[in-house]
Amino acid sequence: MRAARLQDALERLSLAIREVESELSAMKAEHDPLASHIFISRRHYRNVNDTKSGKRRETNARLSFDTACELGFRGSLDEWARLMGAVARR
């Protein structure tokens, strides 16, 4: 009797493991939109021709920050600017 219950539990565990592995492989195949946005925003920030006052980079950082918040970024504008490379970390 116990051997049959143990066998059933083992089969359920094996099924659960296969389901988790398939979900993991599906997650790895999907692209993270926030990570993509960060990569593109950093490249754009580095390549922008800025004015003497730095307003163009500041505006671009603010606009990309708004998009990042929509995609799930939970930090502040200052943290986003540091992430973009605008401000050296103190």
N, C-alpha and C. Protein backbone atom coordinates (compact mmCIF):
# COMPACT_ATOMS: atom_id res chain seq x y z
N MET A 1 0.82 -1.19 0.00
CA MET A 1 0.00 0.00 0.00
C MET A 1 0.86 1.26 0.00
N ARG A 2 1.87 1.31 0.87
CA ARG A 2 2.74 2.48 0.92
C ARG A 2 3.57 2.61 -0.34
N ALA A 3 3.99 1.52 -0.91
CA ALA A 3 4.79 1.58 -2.13
C ALA A 3 3.99 2.18 -3.28
N ALA A 4 2.70 1.87 -3.36
CA ALA A 4 1.85 2.43 -4.42
C ALA A 4 1.69 3.94 -4.24
N ARG A 5 1.49 4.41 -3.00
CA ARG A 5 1.37 5.85 -2.74
C ARG A 5 2.67 6.57 -3.04
N LEU A 6 3.76 5.95 -2.68
CA LEU A 6 5.06 6.53 -2.96
C LEU A 6 5.30 6.61 -4.47
N GLN A 7 4.91 5.59 -5.19
CA GLN A 7 5.05 5.59 -6.64
C GLN A 7 4.20 6.70 -7.27
N ASP A 8 2.96 6.87 -6.79
CA ASP A 8 2.08 7.94 -7.29
C ASP A 8 2.68 9.32 -7.01
N ALA A 9 3.19 9.49 -5.82
CA ALA A 9 3.79 10.77 -5.46
C ALA A 9 5.02 11.05 -6.32
N LEU A 10 5.79 10.03 -6.59
CA LEU A 10 6.98 10.18 -7.44
C LEU A 10 6.59 10.55 -8.86
N GLU A 11 5.53 9.97 -9.37
CA GLU A 11 5.06 10.30 -10.72
C GLU A 11 4.55 11.74 -10.79
N ARG A 12 3.82 12.18 -9.75
CA ARG A 12 3.35 13.56 -9.71
C ARG A 12 4.52 14.54 -9.63
N LEU A 13 5.53 14.18 -8.85
CA LEU A 13 6.71 15.02 -8.74
C LEU A 13 7.44 15.11 -10.07
N SER A 14 7.57 13.99 -10.76
CA SER A 14 8.23 14.00 -12.07
C SER A 14 7.47 14.87 -13.06
N LEU A 15 6.15 14.79 -13.03
CA LEU A 15 5.33 15.62 -13.91
C LEU A 15 5.50 17.10 -13.58
N ALA A 16 5.52 17.41 -12.30
CA ALA A 16 5.71 18.80 -11.89
C ALA A 16 7.07 19.33 -12.31
N ILE A 17 8.09 18.52 -12.21
CA ILE A 17 9.44 18.92 -12.61
C ILE A 17 9.48 19.18 -14.11
N ARG A 18 8.83 18.33 -14.89
CA ARG A 18 8.80 18.55 -16.35
C ARG A 18 8.06 19.84 -16.68
N GLU A 19 6.97 20.14 -15.97
CA GLU A 19 6.23 21.38 -16.22
C GLU A 19 7.08 22.60 -15.89
N VAL A 20 7.80 22.55 -14.78
CA VAL A 20 8.66 23.67 -14.39
C VAL A 20 9.78 23.85 -15.41
N GLU A 21 10.38 22.76 -15.87
CA GLU A 21 11.44 22.87 -16.87
C GLU A 21 10.93 23.45 -18.18
N SER A 22 9.71 23.08 -18.58
CA SER A 22 9.17 23.64 -19.82
C SER A 22 8.86 25.13 -19.66
N GLU A 23 8.37 25.54 -18.48
CA GLU A 23 8.13 26.97 -18.23
C GLU A 23 9.44 27.76 -18.22
N LEU A 24 10.47 27.17 -17.62
CA LEU A 24 11.77 27.84 -17.61
C LEU A 24 12.32 28.03 -19.02
N SER A 25 12.20 27.01 -19.84
CA SER A 25 12.70 27.14 -21.22
C SER A 25 11.87 28.16 -21.99
N ALA A 26 10.58 28.24 -21.72
CA ALA A 26 9.74 29.25 -22.38
C ALA A 26 10.13 30.66 -21.93
N MET A 27 10.42 30.81 -20.63
CA MET A 27 10.83 32.12 -20.12
C MET A 27 12.17 32.55 -20.71
N LYS A 28 13.09 31.61 -20.87
CA LYS A 28 14.39 31.94 -21.44
C LYS A 28 14.26 32.35 -22.90
N ALA A 29 13.28 31.81 -23.60
CA ALA A 29 13.08 32.13 -25.01
C ALA A 29 12.48 33.53 -25.19
N GLU A 30 11.73 34.01 -24.20
CA GLU A 30 11.10 35.33 -24.29
C GLU A 30 12.13 36.41 -23.99
N HIS A 31 11.93 37.57 -24.60
CA HIS A 31 12.80 38.71 -24.34
C HIS A 31 12.16 39.59 -23.27
N ASP A 32 12.98 40.10 -22.38
CA ASP A 32 12.52 41.00 -21.34
C ASP A 32 12.45 42.41 -21.91
N PRO A 33 11.27 43.01 -22.01
CA PRO A 33 11.17 44.33 -22.64
C PRO A 33 11.91 45.42 -21.86
N LEU A 34 11.95 45.32 -20.53
CA LEU A 34 12.67 46.32 -19.75
C LEU A 34 14.17 46.23 -19.99
N ALA A 35 14.70 45.02 -20.04
CA ALA A 35 16.13 44.86 -20.30
C ALA A 35 16.49 45.37 -21.69
N SER A 36 15.65 45.11 -22.66
CA SER A 36 15.89 45.61 -24.02
C SER A 36 15.86 47.14 -24.03
N HIS A 37 14.90 47.72 -23.31
CA HIS A 37 14.80 49.18 -23.26
C HIS A 37 16.03 49.79 -22.60
N ILE A 38 16.52 49.18 -21.54
CA ILE A 38 17.73 49.68 -20.87
C ILE A 38 18.91 49.64 -21.83
N PHE A 39 19.08 48.54 -22.53
CA PHE A 39 20.20 48.41 -23.46
C PHE A 39 20.14 49.48 -24.55
N ILE A 40 18.98 49.64 -25.14
CA ILE A 40 18.82 50.61 -26.23
C ILE A 40 18.98 52.03 -25.71
N SER A 41 18.42 52.33 -24.54
CA SER A 41 18.50 53.68 -23.98
C SER A 41 19.94 54.05 -23.62
N ARG A 42 20.69 53.11 -23.09
CA ARG A 42 22.10 53.39 -22.76
C ARG A 42 22.91 53.69 -24.01
N ARG A 43 22.68 52.89 -25.06
CA ARG A 43 23.40 53.12 -26.32
C ARG A 43 23.03 54.47 -26.91
N HIS A 44 21.73 54.79 -26.89
CA HIS A 44 21.28 56.07 -27.43
C HIS A 44 21.84 57.22 -26.60
N TYR A 45 21.87 57.07 -25.29
CA TYR A 45 22.39 58.12 -24.40
C TYR A 45 23.86 58.40 -24.69
N ARG A 46 24.63 57.33 -24.90
CA ARG A 46 26.06 57.50 -25.19
C ARG A 46 26.30 58.16 -26.54
N ASN A 47 25.45 57.89 -27.52
CA ASN A 47 25.69 58.35 -28.88
C ASN A 47 25.04 59.69 -29.22
N VAL A 48 24.28 60.29 -28.32
CA VAL A 48 23.59 61.54 -28.63
C VAL A 48 24.59 62.69 -28.63
N ASN A 49 24.43 63.60 -29.59
CA ASN A 49 25.23 64.82 -29.63
C ASN A 49 24.55 65.83 -28.71
N ASP A 50 25.20 66.13 -27.61
CA ASP A 50 24.58 66.96 -26.58
C ASP A 50 24.96 68.43 -26.74
N THR A 51 24.18 69.29 -26.12
CA THR A 51 24.48 70.71 -26.06
C THR A 51 25.43 70.97 -24.89
N LYS A 52 25.89 72.20 -24.78
CA LYS A 52 26.81 72.53 -23.68
C LYS A 52 26.16 72.34 -22.31
N SER A 53 24.89 72.66 -22.22
CA SER A 53 24.21 72.58 -20.93
C SER A 53 23.81 71.16 -20.56
N GLY A 54 23.81 70.24 -21.52
CA GLY A 54 23.43 68.86 -21.24
C GLY A 54 21.94 68.63 -21.27
N LYS A 55 21.17 69.59 -21.78
CA LYS A 55 19.72 69.48 -21.79
C LYS A 55 19.22 68.33 -22.66
N ARG A 56 19.88 68.08 -23.78
CA ARG A 56 19.41 67.03 -24.68
C ARG A 56 19.48 65.67 -24.01
N ARG A 57 20.59 65.40 -23.34
CA ARG A 57 20.72 64.12 -22.63
C ARG A 57 19.74 64.05 -21.46
N GLU A 58 19.56 65.14 -20.78
CA GLU A 58 18.62 65.17 -19.65
C GLU A 58 17.20 64.88 -20.13
N THR A 59 16.81 65.49 -21.24
CA THR A 59 15.47 65.26 -21.79
C THR A 59 15.31 63.82 -22.23
N ASN A 60 16.32 63.29 -22.92
CA ASN A 60 16.26 61.89 -23.36
C ASN A 60 16.19 60.93 -22.18
N ALA A 61 16.93 61.24 -21.12
CA ALA A 61 16.90 60.39 -19.93
C ALA A 61 15.52 60.41 -19.29
N ARG A 62 14.89 61.58 -19.24
CA ARG A 62 13.57 61.69 -18.64
C ARG A 62 12.53 60.94 -19.46
N LEU A 63 12.60 61.07 -20.79
CA LEU A 63 11.64 60.38 -21.65
C LEU A 63 11.82 58.86 -21.57
N SER A 64 13.07 58.41 -21.57
CA SER A 64 13.30 56.96 -21.49
C SER A 64 12.94 56.44 -20.10
N PHE A 65 13.06 57.30 -19.07
CA PHE A 65 12.64 56.92 -17.72
C PHE A 65 11.14 56.67 -17.67
N ASP A 66 10.37 57.54 -18.32
CA ASP A 66 8.91 57.35 -18.37
C ASP A 66 8.55 56.01 -19.01
N THR A 67 9.21 55.68 -20.10
CA THR A 67 8.96 54.40 -20.77
C THR A 67 9.37 53.25 -19.87
N ALA A 68 10.51 53.39 -19.19
CA ALA A 68 10.98 52.33 -18.30
C ALA A 68 9.99 52.09 -17.16
N CYS A 69 9.40 53.16 -16.64
CA CYS A 69 8.40 53.00 -15.57
C CYS A 69 7.19 52.23 -16.07
N GLU A 70 6.79 52.49 -17.31
CA GLU A 70 5.67 51.75 -17.90
C GLU A 70 6.01 50.27 -18.05
N LEU A 71 7.30 49.97 -18.25
CA LEU A 71 7.75 48.59 -18.43
C LEU A 71 8.06 47.89 -17.11
N GLY A 72 7.97 48.62 -15.98
CA GLY A 72 8.15 47.97 -14.69
C GLY A 72 9.35 48.43 -13.90
N PHE A 73 10.07 49.46 -14.34
CA PHE A 73 11.21 49.97 -13.57
C PHE A 73 10.68 50.63 -12.31
N ARG A 74 11.25 50.30 -11.15
CA ARG A 74 10.73 50.80 -9.88
C ARG A 74 11.63 51.82 -9.20
N GLY A 75 12.69 52.22 -9.87
CA GLY A 75 13.61 53.17 -9.26
C GLY A 75 13.20 54.60 -9.51
N SER A 76 14.03 55.52 -9.04
CA SER A 76 13.77 56.95 -9.21
C SER A 76 14.46 57.44 -10.48
N LEU A 77 14.20 58.69 -10.83
CA LEU A 77 14.84 59.30 -12.00
C LEU A 77 16.35 59.37 -11.80
N ASP A 78 16.79 59.65 -10.58
CA ASP A 78 18.23 59.69 -10.30
C ASP A 78 18.88 58.33 -10.53
N GLU A 79 18.21 57.28 -10.09
CA GLU A 79 18.75 55.93 -10.31
C GLU A 79 18.79 55.60 -11.79
N TRP A 80 17.76 56.03 -12.52
CA TRP A 80 17.74 55.79 -13.96
C TRP A 80 18.88 56.55 -14.65
N ALA A 81 19.12 57.79 -14.22
CA ALA A 81 20.21 58.58 -14.80
C ALA A 81 21.55 57.91 -14.52
N ARG A 82 21.74 57.37 -13.33
CA ARG A 82 22.97 56.64 -13.03
C ARG A 82 23.10 55.41 -13.90
N LEU A 83 21.98 54.72 -14.11
CA LEU A 83 21.98 53.53 -14.95
C LEU A 83 22.35 53.87 -16.39
N MET A 84 21.89 55.02 -16.86
CA MET A 84 22.21 55.46 -18.22
C MET A 84 23.66 55.92 -18.33
N GLY A 85 24.27 56.24 -17.22
CA GLY A 85 25.65 56.72 -17.24
C GLY A 85 25.75 58.21 -17.15
N ALA A 86 24.66 58.87 -16.79
CA ALA A 86 24.64 60.34 -16.75
C ALA A 86 25.38 60.89 -15.56
N VAL A 87 25.28 60.24 -14.43
CA VAL A 87 25.84 60.78 -13.19
C VAL A 87 26.73 59.71 -12.56
N ALA A 88 27.90 60.13 -12.15
CA ALA A 88 28.78 59.21 -11.45
C ALA A 88 28.18 58.89 -10.08
N ARG A 89 28.32 57.66 -9.64
CA ARG A 89 27.77 57.24 -8.35
C ARG A 89 28.57 57.85 -7.22
N ARG A 90 27.88 58.36 -6.20
CA ARG A 90 28.57 59.00 -5.07
C ARG A 90 28.79 58.05 -3.94
